[in-house]
C-alpha atoms as a PDB file:
ATOM      1  CA  MET A   1       0.398 -10.980   9.360  1.00  0.00           C
ATOM      2  CA  LEU A   2      -0.427 -14.580   8.530  1.00  0.00           C
ATOM      3  CA  ASP A   3      -1.210 -15.436  11.945  1.00  0.00           C
ATOM      4  CA  SER A   4      -3.951 -12.540  12.067  1.00  0.00           C
ATOM      5  CA  ASN A   5      -7.638 -13.087  12.491  1.00  0.00           C
ATOM      6  CA  LYS A   6      -8.180  -9.979  11.041  1.00  0.00           C
ATOM      7  CA  PRO A   7      -9.646  -9.682   7.483  1.00  0.00           C
ATOM      8  CA  TRP A   8      -7.359  -9.027   4.776  1.00  0.00           C
ATOM      9  CA  GLU A   9      -9.018  -5.685   3.935  1.00  0.00           C
ATOM     10  CA  PHE A  10      -7.926  -4.478   7.383  1.00  0.00           C
ATOM     11  CA  LEU A  11      -4.330  -5.685   6.519  1.00  0.00           C
ATOM     12  CA  VAL A  12      -4.293  -4.082   3.237  1.00  0.00           C
ATOM     13  CA  GLY A  13      -5.544  -0.896   4.893  1.00  0.00           C
ATOM     14  CA  GLN A  14      -2.712  -0.874   7.447  1.00  0.00           C
ATOM     15  CA  ALA A  15       0.066  -1.548   4.742  1.00  0.00           C
ATOM     16  CA  ILE A  16      -1.752   1.558   2.592  1.00  0.00           C
ATOM     17  CA  ALA A  17      -1.601   3.549   5.789  1.00  0.00           C
ATOM     18  CA  GLN A  18       2.129   2.880   6.281  1.00  0.00           C
ATOM     19  CA  LEU A  19       3.178   3.629   2.610  1.00  0.00           C
ATOM     20  CA  GLU A  20       6.166   5.721   2.158  1.00  0.00           C
ATOM     21  CA  VAL A  21       5.866   7.155  -1.299  1.00  0.00           C
ATOM     22  CA  ALA A  22       9.119   7.446  -3.371  1.00  0.00           C
ATOM     23  CA  GLN A  23       9.848   9.213  -6.495  1.00  0.00           C
ATOM     24  CA  THR A  24      10.765   6.112  -8.279  1.00  0.00           C
ATOM     25  CA  PRO A  25       8.918   3.295  -6.575  1.00  0.00           C
ATOM     26  CA  LYS A  26      10.872  -0.232  -6.393  1.00  0.00           C
ATOM     27  CA  ALA A  27       9.792  -3.070  -8.558  1.00  0.00           C
ATOM     28  CA  HIS A  28       6.933  -5.131  -7.034  1.00  0.00           C
ATOM     29  CA  SER A  29       6.402  -2.896  -4.240  1.00  0.00           C
ATOM     30  CA  LEU A  30       2.979  -1.909  -3.074  1.00  0.00           C
ATOM     31  CA  GLN A  31       3.268   1.702  -4.529  1.00  0.00           C
ATOM     32  CA  ASP A  32       4.196  -0.011  -7.754  1.00  0.00           C
ATOM     33  CA  TYR A  33       1.360  -2.186  -7.888  1.00  0.00           C
ATOM     34  CA  LEU A  34      -1.227   0.375  -6.931  1.00  0.00           C
ATOM     35  CA  GLY A  35       0.099   2.866  -9.664  1.00  0.00           C
ATOM     36  CA  ALA A  36       0.966   6.569  -9.299  1.00  0.00           C
ATOM     37  CA  LYS A  37      -2.564   7.796  -9.904  1.00  0.00           C
ATOM     38  CA  ALA A  38      -4.052   5.555  -7.065  1.00  0.00           C
ATOM     39  CA  VAL A  39      -1.207   6.546  -4.811  1.00  0.00           C
ATOM     40  CA  GLU A  40      -1.918  10.246  -5.243  1.00  0.00           C
ATOM     41  CA  HIS A  41      -5.584   9.820  -4.469  1.00  0.00           C
ATOM     42  CA  LEU A  42      -4.721   7.908  -1.340  1.00  0.00           C
ATOM     43  CA  ILE A  43      -2.291  10.370  -0.120  1.00  0.00           C
ATOM     44  CA  ASN A  44      -4.166  13.683  -0.943  1.00  0.00           C
END
């Protein structure tokens, strides 16, 4: 990812699109940083 010429917003969008939701998110995971409410809005 660091070698990409794409804007960071694109890369974050790609990461969110590939997000696999877990019942108990791992510490320091993207799901953990976004929070349950944000993840719920993104996937529904």
